[in-house]
Structures are given as C-alpha cells and as structure tokens.
Amino acid sequence: MGERSSAGTTSARSILTDDSGTVLVLLAVTCPVLTLMFAGVCEFGRYLVMREQTQTAADAAALAGAVSGVHRWVKIDVTTNRGKETVCDEESCWCEPCGEVTIHDTVGDERRLIDEGMWRDFCAPPCDCGGDNCWFQIKDRWVTYDIPSGAPWGTDPAEIQEAEGTPPGGRWRFSSSTGPSAV
C-alpha cells in the first residue's frame, strides 16, 4: 500500500504510483463503450436488412400494379384553332378566321389518349389559309382496377361529326354570326 505520513494519511505521491484497482477502472470505462459499439453495429445491420426488405416490397407492389389491370382514365376537351380560310368576291380574295372547334368530354384510357398522342385524332382539319393549332384540356381523371380496358376512348370520329353537325366526308365552315355549318 501507499506510504503513510507521520500523521497517518497517505501521501499524494503514493496514490499516483499505486497500481491496485487499475483493471477495474479500465473495465468500467471500456465495457459501456464496447457495448454501445456492438449495439450500433447490430442496429446498422438491422437497418440494412429492413431497407432491402422495403425495396423488395416496393418493387413487388409496382410490378403487381403494372400487370393487374389498373387503368387510368381521363375526360378531356380537344380544341382546334382552325386558322383562316380563303374568301373571294368578284375582285379579290382574302383570308377570314374559321374559328375554333371544341370536342367536349372525350373519355379514354390515359396511356393511349394522352401518353401515345391519340387525342390528336380529335383535332378538326385546318382551313386553307393556315391554322391547325390543336390542344387538349383535362377535365377529370380516375383509376379503375381489374376490368378490361375496352375501347381506347369513348368518342369516335363518326360521333364527332354527328355532334358537330358535319356529314361524313364534309367540309367545315364557320361563321362568327351563325357558328359551324357543313359545306
């Protein structure tokens, strides 16, 4: 043990040089550190396993959704600015506006109608002085599950001609005062 002074107390020098109990102090410091490191490694491994399982589940859900008969439907309005048409009298010819045509409430499978550009089938033909600016506006979207897709859209060209009053093979003629008429 340490040296005792004449008063019976241990000197400071003897406390610093005494080796007894050193292992106990080292174990008291290193055991919690090693325990925390082991727990951290275990939690990190668990995190990696959970991440892989979550990714596998997400991949399986995406694959199941892609082949399960899920259909995205849209309702759109297709509008065509037909440009101008040539109008002639006895002395000269000039271009007058033909107007716009809007096909309302065209319903179809979103992949075919919008993604593949089939909405362009519903654009009205341009007039002879230029034009042919056509666009669509989405009015509604919804999803159906596990049903056959049916037709690619709900309006065919014959229905468009009937709705717009144009006979099959007929020409479009627009007047600002009377509206569309077949020629």
C-alpha atoms as a PDB file:
ATOM      1  CA  MET A   1       0.000   0.000   0.000  1.00  0.00           C
ATOM      2  CA  GLY A   2       0.951   3.635  -0.077  1.00  0.00           C
ATOM      3  CA  GLU A   3       3.297   5.289   2.293  1.00  0.00           C
ATOM      4  CA  ARG A   4       1.813   6.873   5.344  1.00  0.00           C
ATOM      5  CA  SER A   5       2.979  10.096   6.721  1.00  0.00           C
ATOM      6  CA  SER A   6       3.636  10.625  10.350  1.00  0.00           C
ATOM      7  CA  ALA A   7       0.071  11.899  10.748  1.00  0.00           C
ATOM      8  CA  GLY A   8      -1.337   8.619   9.349  1.00  0.00           C
ATOM      9  CA  THR A   9      -2.547   9.872   5.952  1.00  0.00           C
ATOM     10  CA  THR A  10      -1.499   8.592   2.534  1.00  0.00           C
ATOM     11  CA  SER A  11       0.710  10.933   0.554  1.00  0.00           C
ATOM     12  CA  ALA A  12      -0.241  12.193  -2.922  1.00  0.00           C
ATOM     13  CA  ARG A  13       2.783  10.570  -4.479  1.00  0.00           C
ATOM     14  CA  SER A  14       1.858   7.131  -3.191  1.00  0.00           C
ATOM     15  CA  ILE A  15      -1.708   7.388  -4.574  1.00  0.00           C
ATOM     16  CA  LEU A  16      -0.401   8.143  -8.074  1.00  0.00           C
ATOM     17  CA  THR A  17       2.035   5.253  -8.146  1.00  0.00           C
ATOM     18  CA  ASP A  18      -0.280   2.620  -6.627  1.00  0.00           C
ATOM     19  CA  ASP A  19      -1.405   0.047  -9.327  1.00  0.00           C
ATOM     20  CA  SER A  20      -4.073  -1.778  -7.382  1.00  0.00           C
ATOM     21  CA  GLY A  21      -7.618  -1.406  -8.875  1.00  0.00           C
ATOM     22  CA  THR A  22      -6.441  -0.221 -12.304  1.00  0.00           C
ATOM     23  CA  VAL A  23      -8.106  -3.077 -14.170  1.00  0.00           C
ATOM     24  CA  LEU A  24     -11.409  -2.264 -12.502  1.00  0.00           C
ATOM     25  CA  VAL A  25     -11.244   1.329 -13.757  1.00  0.00           C
ATOM     26  CA  LEU A  26     -10.325   0.218 -17.296  1.00  0.00           C
ATOM     27  CA  LEU A  27     -13.218  -2.252 -17.374  1.00  0.00           C
ATOM     28  CA  ALA A  28     -15.618   0.365 -16.044  1.00  0.00           C
ATOM     29  CA  VAL A  29     -14.686   2.669 -18.954  1.00  0.00           C
ATOM     30  CA  THR A  30     -14.348   0.154 -21.812  1.00  0.00           C
ATOM     31  CA  CYS A  31     -17.387  -2.084 -21.131  1.00  0.00           C
ATOM     32  CA  PRO A  32     -20.009   0.624 -21.826  1.00  0.00           C
ATOM     33  CA  VAL A  33     -18.053   1.801 -24.890  1.00  0.00           C
ATOM     34  CA  LEU A  34     -17.821  -1.723 -26.309  1.00  0.00           C
ATOM     35  CA  THR A  35     -21.495  -2.370 -25.518  1.00  0.00           C
ATOM     36  CA  LEU A  36     -22.563   0.798 -27.361  1.00  0.00           C
ATOM     37  CA  MET A  37     -20.368  -0.074 -30.351  1.00  0.00           C
ATOM     38  CA  PHE A  38     -21.829  -3.594 -30.533  1.00  0.00           C
ATOM     39  CA  ALA A  39     -25.383  -2.238 -30.296  1.00  0.00           C
ATOM     40  CA  GLY A  40     -24.618   0.291 -33.050  1.00  0.00           C
ATOM     41  CA  VAL A  41     -23.269  -2.386 -35.381  1.00  0.00           C
ATOM     42  CA  CYS A  42     -26.327  -4.577 -34.728  1.00  0.00           C
ATOM     43  CA  GLU A  43     -28.736  -1.673 -35.392  1.00  0.00           C
ATOM     44  CA  PHE A  44     -26.909  -0.712 -38.578  1.00  0.00           C
ATOM     45  CA  GLY A  45     -27.155  -4.308 -39.832  1.00  0.00           C
ATOM     46  CA  ARG A  46     -30.848  -4.355 -38.962  1.00  0.00           C
ATOM     47  CA  TYR A  47     -31.300  -1.059 -40.869  1.00  0.00           C
ATOM     48  CA  LEU A  48     -29.656  -2.556 -43.978  1.00  0.00           C
ATOM     49  CA  VAL A  49     -31.882  -5.650 -43.842  1.00  0.00           C
ATOM     50  CA  MET A  50     -35.039  -3.537 -43.381  1.00  0.00           C
ATOM     51  CA  ARG A  51     -34.043  -1.271 -46.283  1.00  0.00           C
ATOM     52  CA  GLU A  52     -33.606  -4.268 -48.579  1.00  0.00           C
ATOM     53  CA  GLN A  53     -36.937  -5.779 -47.492  1.00  0.00           C
ATOM     54  CA  THR A  54     -38.724  -2.447 -48.028  1.00  0.00           C
ATOM     55  CA  GLN A  55     -37.231  -2.074 -51.512  1.00  0.00           C
ATOM     56  CA  THR A  56     -38.253  -5.636 -52.388  1.00  0.00           C
ATOM     57  CA  ALA A  57     -41.818  -4.951 -51.211  1.00  0.00           C
ATOM     58  CA  ALA A  58     -41.979  -1.709 -53.229  1.00  0.00           C
ATOM     59  CA  ASP A  59     -40.697  -3.474 -56.349  1.00  0.00           C
ATOM     60  CA  ALA A  60     -43.257  -6.254 -55.912  1.00  0.00           C
ATOM     61  CA  ALA A  61     -46.092  -3.735 -55.476  1.00  0.00           C
ATOM     62  CA  ALA A  62     -45.031  -1.804 -58.590  1.00  0.00           C
ATOM     63  CA  LEU A  63     -44.843  -4.978 -60.630  1.00  0.00           C
ATOM     64  CA  ALA A  64     -48.227  -6.167 -59.366  1.00  0.00           C
ATOM     65  CA  GLY A  65     -49.782  -2.786 -60.168  1.00  0.00           C
ATOM     66  CA  ALA A  66     -48.322  -2.780 -63.658  1.00  0.00           C
ATOM     67  CA  VAL A  67     -49.867  -6.104 -64.620  1.00  0.00           C
ATOM     68  CA  SER A  68     -53.029  -6.203 -62.513  1.00  0.00           C
ATOM     69  CA  GLY A  69     -55.473  -4.425 -64.808  1.00  0.00           C
ATOM     70  CA  VAL A  70     -55.156  -0.945 -63.327  1.00  0.00           C
ATOM     71  CA  HIS A  71     -56.423   1.632 -65.805  1.00  0.00           C
ATOM     72  CA  ARG A  72     -56.009   5.402 -65.683  1.00  0.00           C
ATOM     73  CA  TRP A  73     -58.928   7.164 -67.344  1.00  0.00           C
ATOM     74  CA  VAL A  74     -59.279  10.796 -68.395  1.00  0.00           C
ATOM     75  CA  LYS A  75     -62.000  13.064 -69.688  1.00  0.00           C
ATOM     76  CA  ILE A  76     -60.668  15.800 -71.966  1.00  0.00           C
ATOM     77  CA  ASP A  77     -61.845  18.603 -74.215  1.00  0.00           C
ATOM     78  CA  VAL A  78     -59.933  18.876 -77.516  1.00  0.00           C
ATOM     79  CA  THR A  79     -59.882  22.371 -79.031  1.00  0.00           C
ATOM     80  CA  THR A  80     -58.695  23.266 -82.532  1.00  0.00           C
ATOM     81  CA  ASN A  81     -57.991  26.786 -83.761  1.00  0.00           C
ATOM     82  CA  ARG A  82     -58.647  26.170 -87.434  1.00  0.00           C
ATOM     83  CA  GLY A  83     -56.880  29.343 -88.612  1.00  0.00           C
ATOM     84  CA  LYS A  84     -58.220  31.217 -91.621  1.00  0.00           C
ATOM     85  CA  GLU A  85     -59.938  30.305 -94.870  1.00  0.00           C
ATOM     86  CA  THR A  86     -59.832  31.950 -98.256  1.00  0.00           C
ATOM     87  CA  VAL A  87     -62.867  34.059 -99.128  1.00  0.00           C
ATOM     88  CA  CYS A  88     -63.202  35.573-102.620  1.00  0.00           C
ATOM     89  CA  ASP A  89     -65.548  38.020-104.267  1.00  0.00           C
ATOM     90  CA  GLU A  90     -65.536  39.187-107.900  1.00  0.00           C
ATOM     91  CA  GLU A  91     -62.487  41.425-107.431  1.00  0.00           C
ATOM     92  CA  SER A  92     -60.170  39.854-104.853  1.00  0.00           C
ATOM     93  CA  CYS A  93     -59.563  37.092-102.301  1.00  0.00           C
ATOM     94  CA  TRP A  94     -58.688  37.376 -98.618  1.00  0.00           C
ATOM     95  CA  CYS A  95     -58.465  35.214 -95.507  1.00  0.00           C
ATOM     96  CA  GLU A  96     -61.114  35.248 -92.786  1.00  0.00           C
ATOM     97  CA  PRO A  97     -60.993  33.448 -89.433  1.00  0.00           C
ATOM     98  CA  CYS A  98     -62.525  29.975 -89.450  1.00  0.00           C
ATOM     99  CA  GLY A  99     -62.977  29.883 -85.673  1.00  0.00           C
ATOM    100  CA  GLU A 100     -62.337  27.255 -83.029  1.00  0.00           C
ATOM    101  CA  VAL A 101     -63.863  23.818 -82.667  1.00  0.00           C
ATOM    102  CA  THR A 102     -64.034  22.086 -79.288  1.00  0.00           C
ATOM    103  CA  ILE A 103     -64.852  18.403 -78.912  1.00  0.00           C
ATOM    104  CA  HIS A 104     -66.200  18.089 -75.365  1.00  0.00           C
ATOM    105  CA  ASP A 105     -65.996  15.198 -72.889  1.00  0.00           C
ATOM    106  CA  THR A 106     -63.815  12.744 -74.783  1.00  0.00           C
ATOM    107  CA  VAL A 107     -63.220   9.842 -72.389  1.00  0.00           C
ATOM    108  CA  GLY A 108     -60.380   7.389 -72.799  1.00  0.00           C
ATOM    109  CA  ASP A 109     -57.520   5.391 -71.389  1.00  0.00           C
ATOM    110  CA  GLU A 110     -54.887   7.960 -70.353  1.00  0.00           C
ATOM    111  CA  ARG A 111     -51.981   5.913 -71.660  1.00  0.00           C
ATOM    112  CA  ARG A 112     -53.437   5.712 -75.151  1.00  0.00           C
ATOM    113  CA  LEU A 113     -55.253   9.015 -75.322  1.00  0.00           C
ATOM    114  CA  ILE A 114     -52.609  11.328 -73.848  1.00  0.00           C
ATOM    115  CA  ASP A 115     -49.309   9.445 -73.485  1.00  0.00           C
ATOM    116  CA  GLU A 116     -49.461   7.999 -77.016  1.00  0.00           C
ATOM    117  CA  GLY A 117     -50.966  11.180 -78.540  1.00  0.00           C
ATOM    118  CA  MET A 118     -54.262   9.678 -79.733  1.00  0.00           C
ATOM    119  CA  TRP A 119     -56.046  12.883 -78.662  1.00  0.00           C
ATOM    120  CA  ARG A 120     -54.778  14.385 -81.942  1.00  0.00           C
ATOM    121  CA  ASP A 121     -57.320  12.182 -83.796  1.00  0.00           C
ATOM    122  CA  PHE A 122     -59.985  14.563 -82.454  1.00  0.00           C
ATOM    123  CA  CYS A 123     -58.427  17.748 -83.888  1.00  0.00           C
ATOM    124  CA  ALA A 124     -60.552  19.406 -86.584  1.00  0.00           C
ATOM    125  CA  PRO A 125     -58.919  19.856 -90.003  1.00  0.00           C
ATOM    126  CA  PRO A 126     -57.314  23.259 -90.653  1.00  0.00           C
ATOM    127  CA  CYS A 127     -58.691  25.833 -93.061  1.00  0.00           C
ATOM    128  CA  ASP A 128     -56.860  26.612 -96.302  1.00  0.00           C
ATOM    129  CA  CYS A 129     -55.133  29.852 -95.109  1.00  0.00           C
ATOM    130  CA  GLY A 130     -53.268  28.191 -92.238  1.00  0.00           C
ATOM    131  CA  GLY A 131     -54.026  27.314 -88.658  1.00  0.00           C
ATOM    132  CA  ASP A 132     -54.093  23.796 -87.271  1.00  0.00           C
ATOM    133  CA  ASN A 133     -53.275  24.736 -83.687  1.00  0.00           C
ATOM    134  CA  CYS A 134     -54.783  21.962 -81.553  1.00  0.00           C
ATOM    135  CA  TRP A 135     -54.626  21.295 -77.788  1.00  0.00           C
ATOM    136  CA  PHE A 136     -56.442  19.428 -75.042  1.00  0.00           C
ATOM    137  CA  GLN A 137     -57.589  20.252 -71.527  1.00  0.00           C
ATOM    138  CA  ILE A 138     -58.011  17.566 -68.862  1.00  0.00           C
ATOM    139  CA  LYS A 139     -61.394  17.834 -67.155  1.00  0.00           C
ATOM    140  CA  ASP A 140     -61.310  14.728 -64.943  1.00  0.00           C
ATOM    141  CA  ARG A 141     -59.084  11.746 -64.030  1.00  0.00           C
ATOM    142  CA  TRP A 142     -59.834   8.475 -62.272  1.00  0.00           C
ATOM    143  CA  VAL A 143     -58.481   4.958 -61.835  1.00  0.00           C
ATOM    144  CA  THR A 144     -60.270   1.624 -62.212  1.00  0.00           C
ATOM    145  CA  TYR A 145     -58.979  -1.781 -61.129  1.00  0.00           C
ATOM    146  CA  ASP A 146     -59.231  -5.264 -62.646  1.00  0.00           C
ATOM    147  CA  ILE A 147     -61.608  -4.559 -65.526  1.00  0.00           C
ATOM    148  CA  PRO A 148     -60.930  -4.889 -69.249  1.00  0.00           C
ATOM    149  CA  SER A 149     -59.836  -1.631 -70.824  1.00  0.00           C
ATOM    150  CA  GLY A 150     -62.484  -1.604 -73.577  1.00  0.00           C
ATOM    151  CA  ALA A 151     -62.121   0.895 -76.388  1.00  0.00           C
ATOM    152  CA  PRO A 152     -59.190   3.294 -76.312  1.00  0.00           C
ATOM    153  CA  TRP A 153     -61.568   6.268 -75.979  1.00  0.00           C
ATOM    154  CA  GLY A 154     -65.253   6.998 -75.673  1.00  0.00           C
ATOM    155  CA  THR A 155     -65.752   9.168 -78.766  1.00  0.00           C
ATOM    156  CA  ASP A 156     -65.063   8.001 -82.302  1.00  0.00           C
ATOM    157  CA  PRO A 157     -64.741  10.247 -85.395  1.00  0.00           C
ATOM    158  CA  ALA A 158     -68.316   9.440 -86.530  1.00  0.00           C
ATOM    159  CA  GLU A 159     -69.638  10.627 -83.148  1.00  0.00           C
ATOM    160  CA  ILE A 160     -67.595  13.817 -83.527  1.00  0.00           C
ATOM    161  CA  GLN A 161     -69.077  14.518 -86.958  1.00  0.00           C
ATOM    162  CA  GLU A 162     -72.574  13.886 -85.642  1.00  0.00           C
ATOM    163  CA  ALA A 163     -72.023  16.125 -82.591  1.00  0.00           C
ATOM    164  CA  GLU A 164     -70.585  18.939 -84.688  1.00  0.00           C
ATOM    165  CA  GLY A 165     -73.195  18.602 -87.437  1.00  0.00           C
ATOM    166  CA  THR A 166     -70.728  17.753 -90.218  1.00  0.00           C
ATOM    167  CA  PRO A 167     -71.685  14.961 -92.626  1.00  0.00           C
ATOM    168  CA  PRO A 168     -69.116  12.205 -93.228  1.00  0.00           C
ATOM    169  CA  GLY A 169     -66.567  13.483 -95.731  1.00  0.00           C
ATOM    170  CA  GLY A 170     -68.000  17.021 -95.423  1.00  0.00           C
ATOM    171  CA  ARG A 171     -66.045  20.257 -95.030  1.00  0.00           C
ATOM    172  CA  TRP A 172     -66.067  22.543 -92.016  1.00  0.00           C
ATOM    173  CA  ARG A 173     -67.287  26.121 -92.464  1.00  0.00           C
ATOM    174  CA  PHE A 174     -67.510  28.612 -89.617  1.00  0.00           C
ATOM    175  CA  SER A 175     -69.085  31.985 -89.416  1.00  0.00           C
ATOM    176  CA  SER A 176     -68.831  34.300 -86.428  1.00  0.00           C
ATOM    177  CA  SER A 177     -72.553  35.057 -86.630  1.00  0.00           C
ATOM    178  CA  THR A 178     -74.041  31.631 -87.337  1.00  0.00           C
ATOM    179  CA  GLY A 179     -71.430  29.248 -85.930  1.00  0.00           C
ATOM    180  CA  PRO A 180     -70.279  25.986 -87.528  1.00  0.00           C
ATOM    181  CA  SER A 181     -72.021  24.563 -90.557  1.00  0.00           C
ATOM    182  CA  ALA A 182     -71.314  21.800 -93.049  1.00  0.00           C
ATOM    183  CA  VAL A 183     -70.474  22.653 -96.648  1.00  0.00           C
END
